[in-house]
Protein backbone atom coordinates (compact mmCIF):
# COMPACT_ATOMS: atom_id res chain seq x y z
CA UNK A 1 93.92 111.98 114.99
CA UNK A 2 93.76 111.47 111.24
CA UNK A 3 95.71 108.50 109.85
CA UNK A 4 96.84 108.29 106.22
CA UNK A 5 96.12 104.97 104.50
CA UNK A 6 98.47 104.10 101.63
CA UNK A 7 96.97 100.63 101.14
CA UNK A 8 93.75 99.01 102.27
CA UNK A 9 94.27 95.34 103.13
CA UNK A 10 96.75 93.04 104.86
CA UNK A 11 98.82 90.06 103.72
CA UNK A 12 96.51 87.83 105.74
CA UNK A 13 93.59 89.03 103.58
CA UNK A 14 95.45 87.71 100.53
CA UNK A 15 96.17 84.43 102.31
CA UNK A 16 92.47 84.08 103.11
CA UNK A 17 91.65 84.17 99.38
CA UNK A 18 94.43 81.80 98.35
CA UNK A 19 94.04 79.17 101.04
CA UNK A 20 96.58 76.75 99.57
CA UNK A 21 99.40 79.30 99.72
CA UNK A 22 101.76 79.94 102.61
CA UNK A 23 103.67 83.07 101.67
CA UNK A 24 107.20 83.25 103.08
CA UNK A 25 110.53 84.96 102.46
CA UNK A 26 111.90 82.51 99.87
CA UNK A 27 109.26 80.97 97.60
CA UNK A 28 107.65 83.22 94.95
CA UNK A 29 105.60 85.14 95.51
CA UNK A 30 107.31 86.11 98.75
CA UNK A 31 105.68 88.13 101.50
CA UNK A 32 107.41 91.22 100.15
CA UNK A 33 106.04 90.41 96.68
CA UNK A 34 102.53 90.20 98.09
CA UNK A 35 103.01 93.52 99.86
CA UNK A 36 104.11 95.01 96.55
CA UNK A 37 100.97 93.69 94.84
CA UNK A 38 98.84 95.17 97.62
CA UNK A 39 100.46 98.58 97.35
CA UNK A 40 100.37 98.59 93.56
CA UNK A 41 96.66 97.90 93.39
CA UNK A 42 95.98 100.32 96.25
CA UNK A 43 97.52 103.04 94.09
CA UNK A 44 95.19 102.06 91.26
CA UNK A 45 92.19 102.11 93.59
CA UNK A 46 93.16 105.55 94.85
CA UNK A 47 93.37 106.83 91.28
CA UNK A 48 89.84 105.55 90.66
CA UNK A 49 88.67 107.22 93.89
CA UNK A 50 90.29 110.49 92.86
CA UNK A 51 88.64 110.47 89.45
CA UNK A 52 85.31 109.45 91.00
CA UNK A 53 85.32 112.60 93.13
CA UNK A 54 86.57 111.37 96.49
CA UNK A 55 89.11 113.28 98.53
CA UNK A 56 92.47 111.54 98.27
CA UNK A 57 94.70 110.37 99.82
CA UNK A 58 92.35 108.38 102.04
CA UNK A 59 92.48 109.00 105.79
CA UNK A 60 90.58 107.62 108.77
CA UNK A 61 90.28 108.17 112.52
CA UNK A 62 92.93 106.48 114.61
CA UNK A 63 95.15 106.62 117.68
CA UNK A 64 98.69 105.55 118.54
CA UNK A 65 99.11 103.10 121.42
CA UNK A 66 100.92 104.07 124.57
CA UNK A 67 102.99 100.86 124.43
CA UNK A 68 103.43 97.75 122.32
CA UNK A 69 100.75 95.09 121.85
CA UNK A 70 101.27 91.41 122.68
CA UNK A 71 99.48 88.74 120.66
CA UNK A 72 96.74 86.66 122.26
CA UNK A 73 93.02 86.21 122.76
CA UNK A 74 91.41 89.27 124.35
CA UNK A 75 94.81 90.94 124.21
CA UNK A 76 95.22 94.34 125.81
CA UNK A 77 95.48 97.23 123.37
CA UNK A 78 96.47 100.29 125.42
CA UNK A 79 95.41 103.58 123.86
CA UNK A 80 95.41 107.25 124.84
CA UNK A 81 92.10 108.46 126.32
CA UNK A 82 89.48 108.15 123.59
CA UNK A 83 85.79 107.47 123.00
CA UNK A 84 86.24 106.56 119.32
CA UNK A 85 86.02 102.78 119.72
CA UNK A 86 83.13 100.47 120.57
CA UNK A 87 82.59 96.75 121.09
CA UNK A 88 82.07 94.97 117.78
CA UNK A 89 83.91 97.59 115.76
CA UNK A 90 86.52 96.41 113.26
CA UNK A 91 89.92 98.01 113.76
CA UNK A 92 93.22 97.77 111.95
CA UNK A 93 96.47 97.47 113.88
CA UNK A 94 99.59 98.77 112.12
CA UNK A 95 103.07 98.52 113.55
CA UNK A 96 106.37 96.61 113.56
CA UNK A 97 106.52 92.88 114.22
CA UNK A 98 109.62 90.69 113.82
CA UNK A 99 111.59 93.59 112.35
CA UNK A 100 109.00 94.12 109.63
CA UNK A 101 106.13 96.52 109.19
CA UNK A 102 102.95 94.50 109.68
CA UNK A 103 99.24 94.98 110.11
CA UNK A 104 96.07 93.06 110.78
CA UNK A 105 92.33 93.53 111.08
CA UNK A 106 90.46 92.47 114.19
CA UNK A 107 87.30 93.18 116.15
CA UNK A 108 87.07 94.99 119.47
CA UNK A 109 85.76 92.41 121.93
CA UNK A 110 85.75 94.56 125.05
CA UNK A 111 86.34 98.14 126.14
CA UNK A 112 87.81 98.06 129.63
CA UNK A 113 88.15 101.83 129.85
CA UNK A 114 88.84 104.89 127.72
CA UNK A 115 92.49 103.78 127.62
CA UNK A 116 92.18 99.99 127.29
CA UNK A 117 90.67 97.92 124.48
CA UNK A 118 90.54 94.14 124.20
CA UNK A 119 90.82 92.24 120.91
CA UNK A 120 92.14 88.99 119.49
CA UNK A 121 95.60 89.93 118.20
CA UNK A 122 97.65 87.64 115.94
CA UNK A 123 101.02 89.41 116.03
CA UNK A 124 103.15 90.99 118.71
CA UNK A 125 103.96 94.61 117.90
CA UNK A 126 106.67 96.86 119.20
CA UNK A 127 105.75 100.37 120.32
CA UNK A 128 104.12 102.33 118.80
CA UNK A 129 101.10 100.70 117.17
CA UNK A 130 98.54 102.68 115.18
CA UNK A 131 94.94 101.61 115.75
CA UNK A 132 92.40 102.84 113.21
CA UNK A 133 88.66 102.50 112.83
CA UNK A 134 87.51 100.54 109.80
CA UNK A 135 84.27 101.89 108.36
CA UNK A 136 82.03 100.04 105.89
CA UNK A 137 83.62 102.08 103.08
CA UNK A 138 87.11 101.02 104.16
CA UNK A 139 85.93 97.40 104.38
CA UNK A 140 84.83 97.69 100.75
CA UNK A 141 88.24 99.03 99.73
CA UNK A 142 89.88 96.30 101.79
CA UNK A 143 87.94 93.65 99.85
CA UNK A 144 88.79 95.17 96.47
CA UNK A 145 92.48 95.55 97.33
CA UNK A 146 92.69 91.99 98.67
CA UNK A 147 90.95 90.47 95.63
CA UNK A 148 93.33 92.19 93.21
CA UNK A 149 96.49 91.36 95.16
CA UNK A 150 95.39 87.75 95.65
CA UNK A 151 94.74 87.42 91.92
CA UNK A 152 98.21 88.72 91.15
CA UNK A 153 99.82 86.46 93.75
CA UNK A 154 98.05 83.38 92.40
CA UNK A 155 98.99 84.19 88.84
CA UNK A 156 102.62 84.55 89.92
CA UNK A 157 102.56 80.98 91.25
CA UNK A 158 101.19 79.63 87.98
CA UNK A 159 103.64 81.61 85.86
CA UNK A 160 106.59 80.38 87.95
CA UNK A 161 105.49 76.79 87.33
CA UNK A 162 104.75 77.40 83.63
CA UNK A 163 101.19 76.26 84.23
CA UNK A 164 99.53 79.01 82.22
CA UNK A 165 96.60 80.98 83.59
CA UNK A 166 94.83 80.34 86.89
CA UNK A 167 91.04 80.22 86.77
CA UNK A 168 90.99 81.23 90.43
CA UNK A 169 93.08 84.35 89.74
CA UNK A 170 90.80 85.28 86.85
CA UNK A 171 87.75 85.03 89.08
CA UNK A 172 89.39 87.15 91.78
CA UNK A 173 90.45 89.80 89.30
CA UNK A 174 87.03 89.90 87.66
CA UNK A 175 85.46 90.51 91.07
CA UNK A 176 87.98 93.27 91.77
CA UNK A 177 87.00 94.94 88.51
CA UNK A 178 83.32 94.69 89.41
CA UNK A 179 83.91 96.33 92.79
CA UNK A 180 85.95 99.16 91.26
CA UNK A 181 83.39 99.75 88.53
CA UNK A 182 80.71 100.15 91.21
CA UNK A 183 82.76 102.89 92.88
CA UNK A 184 83.43 104.66 89.61
CA UNK A 185 79.88 104.48 88.29
CA UNK A 186 77.86 105.39 91.42
CA UNK A 187 78.19 108.89 92.91
CA UNK A 188 78.73 108.78 96.66
CA UNK A 189 78.78 104.99 96.71
CA UNK A 190 81.35 104.86 99.54
CA UNK A 191 79.29 106.42 102.30
CA UNK A 192 81.38 108.30 104.83
CA UNK A 193 84.34 109.04 102.58
CA UNK A 194 84.57 112.79 101.90
CA UNK A 195 83.99 113.91 98.32
CA UNK A 196 85.18 116.91 96.34
CA UNK A 197 82.25 119.32 95.75
CA UNK A 198 81.12 119.53 92.16
CA UNK A 199 82.91 116.40 90.93
CA UNK A 200 80.63 113.74 89.43
CA UNK A 201 81.55 110.07 89.62
CA UNK A 202 82.31 108.56 86.25
CA UNK A 203 84.22 105.61 84.90
CA UNK A 204 87.74 106.99 84.41
CA UNK A 205 88.62 107.60 80.78
CA UNK A 206 91.93 106.32 79.50
CA UNK A 207 92.86 105.13 82.96
CA UNK A 208 93.86 101.62 81.97
CA UNK A 209 91.08 99.50 83.40
CA UNK A 210 90.12 98.41 79.89
CA UNK A 211 87.70 95.77 81.12
CA UNK A 212 85.13 98.28 82.40
CA UNK A 213 81.90 97.43 80.67
CA UNK A 214 83.08 94.00 79.57
CA UNK A 215 80.17 91.61 78.95
CA UNK A 216 82.05 88.45 79.82
CA UNK A 217 85.36 87.45 81.45
CA UNK A 218 86.96 86.78 78.06
CA UNK A 219 86.90 90.52 77.33
CA UNK A 220 88.85 91.37 80.44
CA UNK A 221 92.41 92.53 79.93
CA UNK A 222 94.15 92.66 83.32
CA UNK A 223 96.24 95.78 83.56
CA UNK A 224 98.85 94.57 86.00
CA UNK A 225 99.21 90.87 85.22
CA UNK A 226 101.70 90.89 82.36
CA UNK A 227 105.31 92.04 82.87
CA UNK A 228 104.34 94.34 85.70
CA UNK A 229 106.30 94.88 88.88
CA UNK A 230 106.21 97.51 91.62
């Protein structure tokens, strides 16, 4: 089945980039704030993909589990009969955990049968859980989305404490811009993602990523950092 992706990374990906932060439901930025940052930048990434000639919205191959998934090492992930998954493949689990929509990325450690996968699972999900394959192109989008959201989350912490700008957030956002520029400037860069025939990749004009082509970080003008909410 084809699964629509409306964002490309998980909250844990943002945590991994901001190792001193423990996002929760009370201290800004909250988990919901981080989710908002992820979705906001995913929308920007999709606009770049659209203008670079890729078919949007982005979809990938996936299945829906036949029951819930319990957290643990080598946890059982029950799936309908399929041959789409292999050992070592990165997959994304998307479902409901603790009354909240959640997702995570993990690696298939074992394939017991055509209906049973094994993976290290962090969260316990209620039924149903969507399991999708993560290609190298989706890993690239995951990285870009996580860098941008982590930059925004870190800047939020500094702004709340009146500490000015965060060098770490600047570095993350600069790397995000580099990754997006690569997509926009190189036709067919994301191998495996379908493209629209006859559309050439080009840096989007008037799109708002004003730092494209910047020669140094001082020229970068983050689009979403100032007075922006989703």
